[in-house]
Protein backbone atom coordinates (compact mmCIF):
# COMPACT_ATOMS: atom_id res chain seq x y z
CA MET A 1 4.65 -10.16 53.08
CA ASN A 2 7.95 -8.97 50.67
CA GLU A 3 5.76 -11.79 48.16
CA VAL A 4 2.53 -9.15 48.16
CA ASP A 5 4.42 -6.28 48.48
CA ALA A 6 7.04 -6.55 46.00
CA ALA A 7 3.19 -7.38 43.57
CA VAL A 8 2.24 -3.91 44.93
CA ASN A 9 5.04 -2.27 43.70
CA HIS A 10 5.39 -3.82 40.47
CA ASP A 11 4.21 -1.24 38.04
CA PHE A 12 1.19 -2.63 35.32
CA SER A 13 0.98 0.34 33.52
CA LEU A 14 1.81 -0.06 29.61
CA VAL A 15 4.94 2.99 30.46
CA GLY A 16 5.44 0.63 33.63
CA LEU A 17 5.33 -3.17 31.76
CA PHE A 18 7.83 -1.35 29.17
CA LEU A 19 9.75 -0.32 31.25
CA GLN A 20 10.63 -2.77 33.48
CA ALA A 21 10.83 -5.69 30.62
CA ASP A 22 13.93 -7.42 29.91
CA LEU A 23 15.36 -6.85 26.90
CA VAL A 24 14.60 -9.42 24.72
CA VAL A 25 10.50 -8.49 25.42
CA LYS A 26 11.42 -5.39 25.46
CA THR A 27 13.12 -5.37 21.76
CA VAL A 28 10.18 -7.14 20.78
CA MET A 29 7.47 -4.44 22.44
CA LEU A 30 9.90 -1.60 20.40
CA LEU A 31 9.55 -3.62 17.20
CA LEU A 32 5.76 -3.33 17.75
CA ILE A 33 4.97 -0.45 18.16
CA PHE A 34 7.58 1.19 15.95
CA ALA A 35 5.65 -1.56 12.81
CA SER A 36 2.56 -0.09 13.75
CA PHE A 37 2.92 3.52 14.10
CA TRP A 38 4.72 2.62 10.44
CA CYS A 39 1.44 0.37 9.52
CA TRP A 40 -0.49 3.45 10.74
CA VAL A 41 1.62 6.82 8.46
CA VAL A 42 0.93 3.74 5.86
CA ILE A 43 -2.43 3.66 5.68
CA PHE A 44 -3.41 6.85 6.08
CA ASP A 45 -1.16 8.26 3.28
CA LYS A 46 -2.35 5.11 1.38
CA PHE A 47 -6.62 6.32 1.99
CA LEU A 48 -6.22 10.07 1.06
CA LYS A 49 -3.90 9.04 -1.76
CA MET A 50 -6.89 6.91 -3.25
CA ARG A 51 -9.31 9.39 -2.76
CA ARG A 52 -7.75 12.16 -4.83
CA LEU A 53 -6.87 9.62 -7.32
CA ARG A 54 -10.28 8.70 -7.64
CA GLU A 55 -11.26 12.33 -7.15
CA GLN A 56 -8.94 13.05 -10.38
CA ALA A 57 -9.93 10.63 -12.51
CA THR A 58 -13.79 11.33 -12.26
CA GLN A 59 -12.15 15.08 -13.09
CA PHE A 60 -10.15 14.37 -16.60
CA GLU A 61 -13.12 11.59 -17.52
CA GLU A 62 -15.55 14.67 -17.68
CA THR A 63 -12.56 16.71 -19.17
CA PHE A 64 -11.68 13.84 -21.69
CA TRP A 65 -16.05 13.05 -22.95
CA SER A 66 -16.67 16.19 -22.75
CA GLY A 67 -15.96 16.98 -26.70
CA GLY A 68 -12.95 18.76 -26.99
CA SER A 69 -9.18 18.55 -29.77
CA LEU A 70 -7.61 15.60 -27.68
CA GLU A 71 -4.24 17.40 -28.72
CA ASP A 72 -5.04 20.80 -26.82
CA LEU A 73 -5.61 18.06 -23.77
CA PHE A 74 -2.43 16.91 -24.21
CA ASP A 75 -1.60 20.87 -25.16
CA ARG A 76 -2.85 21.21 -21.16
CA ILE A 77 -1.33 18.43 -19.51
CA GLY A 78 2.22 18.56 -21.19
CA ASN A 79 4.35 16.35 -20.05
CA ARG A 80 3.23 17.14 -15.98
CA PRO A 81 0.42 15.11 -15.92
CA VAL A 82 -0.88 15.00 -12.16
CA ASP A 83 -2.45 11.39 -12.46
CA PRO A 84 -2.12 7.70 -13.06
CA MET A 85 -4.86 8.13 -16.11
CA SER A 86 -3.80 12.09 -17.68
CA ALA A 87 0.03 9.88 -17.02
CA VAL A 88 -1.20 6.96 -18.96
CA PHE A 89 -3.66 9.84 -21.73
CA SER A 90 -0.12 12.02 -21.99
CA ALA A 91 2.17 8.27 -22.79
CA ALA A 92 -0.59 7.31 -26.07
CA MET A 93 -0.48 11.34 -27.30
CA ARG A 94 3.11 11.21 -27.32
CA GLU A 95 3.61 7.91 -29.17
CA TRP A 96 0.34 9.47 -31.20
CA ARG A 97 2.60 13.15 -32.06
CA ARG A 98 5.82 10.73 -32.49
CA SER A 99 4.74 9.02 -34.75
CA HIS A 100 3.08 11.96 -36.70
CA SER A 101 5.82 13.94 -37.41
CA ARG A 102 7.54 10.64 -38.36
CA GLY A 103 4.96 10.49 -41.19
CA ALA A 104 3.71 6.64 -39.29
CA SER A 105 0.52 6.82 -40.15
CA ALA A 106 0.67 7.70 -44.04
CA ALA A 107 1.18 3.83 -44.86
CA ALA A 108 -1.78 1.81 -44.28
CA SER A 109 0.59 -0.66 -44.24
CA MET A 110 1.71 1.41 -40.92
CA ARG A 111 -1.29 1.61 -39.20
CA ALA A 112 -0.93 -2.27 -37.48
CA SER A 113 2.59 -1.17 -35.79
CA LEU A 114 1.73 2.17 -34.76
CA GLN A 115 -1.82 0.92 -32.59
CA ASP A 116 0.61 -2.10 -31.45
CA ARG A 117 2.86 0.72 -30.79
CA ILE A 118 0.54 3.29 -28.36
CA ASP A 119 -1.88 0.25 -27.23
CA ARG A 120 2.44 -1.19 -26.06
CA VAL A 121 2.86 1.68 -24.32
CA MET A 122 -0.01 2.69 -22.65
CA GLU A 123 0.58 -1.05 -20.81
CA VAL A 124 3.00 -0.34 -19.93
CA SER A 125 1.89 3.46 -18.27
CA VAL A 126 -0.28 1.27 -15.70
CA GLY A 127 1.70 -1.07 -14.91
CA ARG A 128 4.12 1.32 -14.00
CA GLU A 129 1.61 4.05 -12.08
CA MET A 130 0.64 0.83 -10.36
CA GLU A 131 3.55 -0.18 -9.47
CA ARG A 132 3.71 3.49 -7.92
CA LEU A 133 0.62 3.43 -6.32
CA GLU A 134 1.18 -0.28 -4.53
CA LYS A 135 4.65 0.58 -2.75
CA TYR A 136 4.07 -0.20 0.61
CA MET A 137 1.30 -2.30 0.79
CA PRO A 138 4.13 -5.28 0.91
CA PHE A 139 4.90 -4.16 4.50
CA LEU A 140 1.28 -3.79 5.04
CA ALA A 141 1.58 -7.96 3.85
CA SER A 142 4.14 -8.26 6.10
CA VAL A 143 2.66 -7.04 9.77
CA GLY A 144 -0.40 -8.35 8.85
CA SER A 145 1.41 -11.53 8.85
CA THR A 146 4.36 -11.51 10.96
CA ALA A 147 3.12 -9.63 14.00
CA PRO A 148 1.44 -11.89 16.14
CA PHE A 149 4.23 -14.27 15.44
CA ILE A 150 6.52 -11.28 16.87
CA GLY A 151 4.76 -10.51 19.59
CA LEU A 152 4.64 -14.70 20.27
CA PHE A 153 8.25 -15.08 20.61
CA GLY A 154 8.08 -11.82 23.06
CA THR A 155 5.26 -13.70 24.87
CA VAL A 156 6.96 -16.78 24.77
CA TRP A 157 10.21 -14.68 26.30
CA GLY A 158 8.58 -13.54 28.82
CA ILE A 159 6.92 -17.00 30.33
CA MET A 160 10.71 -18.40 30.30
CA ASN A 161 10.90 -15.31 32.56
CA SER A 162 7.81 -16.09 35.26
CA PHE A 163 8.86 -19.79 35.11
CA SER A 164 12.61 -18.72 35.88
CA ALA A 165 11.63 -16.59 38.51
CA ILE A 166 9.65 -19.22 40.16
CA ALA A 167 12.66 -21.47 40.04
CA ALA A 168 14.74 -19.48 41.26
CA GLU A 169 12.52 -18.49 45.02
CA LYS A 170 11.10 -21.80 45.24
CA ASN A 171 7.62 -20.47 45.03
CA THR A 172 4.36 -20.92 42.27
CA SER A 173 1.89 -17.79 44.16
CA LEU A 174 1.03 -14.85 41.81
CA ALA A 175 3.40 -12.55 43.48
CA VAL A 176 6.22 -14.02 41.73
CA VAL A 177 5.20 -14.79 38.36
CA ALA A 178 2.88 -11.84 37.30
CA PRO A 179 4.97 -9.51 36.64
CA GLY A 180 6.91 -11.06 33.73
CA ILE A 181 3.13 -12.68 32.65
CA ALA A 182 1.69 -9.41 32.19
CA GLU A 183 4.44 -7.94 29.98
CA ALA A 184 4.60 -11.60 28.36
CA LEU A 185 0.64 -11.06 27.63
CA PHE A 186 1.59 -7.15 26.61
CA ALA A 187 3.89 -8.26 23.80
CA THR A 188 0.71 -10.45 22.32
CA ALA A 189 -1.82 -7.61 22.80
CA LEU A 190 0.66 -4.99 20.89
CA GLY A 191 1.45 -8.03 18.22
CA LEU A 192 -2.05 -8.17 17.91
CA MET A 193 -2.31 -3.63 17.66
CA ALA A 194 -0.15 -3.91 14.69
CA ALA A 195 -1.91 -7.11 12.65
CA ILE A 196 -5.00 -6.81 12.73
CA PRO A 197 -5.06 -2.94 10.97
CA ALA A 198 -2.81 -3.99 9.17
CA VAL A 199 -4.79 -7.06 7.73
CA LEU A 200 -7.64 -4.27 7.62
CA ALA A 201 -6.60 -2.04 5.61
CA TYR A 202 -4.16 -4.54 3.27
CA ASN A 203 -7.45 -6.45 2.58
CA LYS A 204 -9.28 -2.58 1.74
CA LEU A 205 -6.66 -1.18 -0.65
CA THR A 206 -5.88 -4.27 -2.48
CA ASN A 207 -8.98 -3.88 -3.83
CA ASP A 208 -9.80 -0.44 -3.87
CA LEU A 209 -6.22 -0.84 -5.77
CA SER A 210 -7.40 -3.48 -8.21
CA ARG A 211 -11.47 -1.51 -9.27
CA TYR A 212 -8.63 1.75 -10.38
CA ALA A 213 -6.88 -0.49 -12.11
CA ASN A 214 -9.61 -1.89 -14.11
CA ARG A 215 -11.13 1.67 -14.47
CA LEU A 216 -7.20 2.29 -15.99
CA GLU A 217 -7.37 -0.73 -18.21
CA ALA A 218 -10.63 0.84 -19.15
CA PHE A 219 -9.95 4.20 -20.13
CA SER A 220 -6.55 3.02 -22.57
CA GLY A 221 -9.29 0.29 -23.94
CA GLU A 222 -11.22 2.98 -24.78
CA PHE A 223 -8.44 5.45 -25.83
CA SER A 224 -7.26 3.14 -27.85
CA ALA A 225 -10.25 2.86 -29.65
CA ILE A 226 -10.54 6.34 -30.13
CA LEU A 227 -6.88 5.93 -31.58
CA SER A 228 -7.84 3.31 -33.73
CA ARG A 229 -11.26 4.90 -35.45
CA GLN A 230 -8.69 8.40 -36.19
CA LEU A 231 -6.23 6.89 -37.83
CA ASP A 232 -8.94 4.16 -40.09
CA GLU A 233 -10.32 8.31 -41.38
CA LYS A 234 -6.69 9.93 -41.46
CA VAL A 235 -5.56 6.41 -43.25
CA GLY A 236 -8.55 5.03 -45.24
CA PRO A 237 -10.36 1.72 -46.15
CA SER A 238 -7.32 -0.80 -46.84
């Protein structure tokens, strides 16, 4: 009867399982809860940012291909580009103007050097912008790969506590082992709750970032071709 009362009195709600858990299992639960919360913060931030960047890139491309002056567009953007694509454009235009101010494009022999510098500047700018966008992506990957094992550790520890209770009580009834098993399974559930969204979001965001990087590289190639044509017109045939 005492064993039945102990099982009935044990709180099997989620909060109760946490509060009544062993210190080690409780630490595992707190770690997984924090990881899950931070994952959702990163996920929402990344998804909103990617949607905003796609809209800004579309707006910039419409302005860029509208036929207006590149110099005027650069003057409007200034030194504060609002998105990676305009940052790549600004970096190339700064190098273009800097070279022109030194008269570097006045000779045909300097054309290849200037073109190479502009391409390199855009390549560095694309890499820097993508590095910023990929911030916290390793965290999602780490949570997705390790959270189930962290939860499993809590599960194993909880089951060990159940076996210890069996040894202490010299009784294998469900009333003795149920609390420890419930806490152990709760740790496993928390591990999966943290890992599954992290893996799904990581795969989706990785695909979105790859497509966005390809879009930036395509723009860099097109812009490089435009500047190359302008250099040919200024320098004339070699």
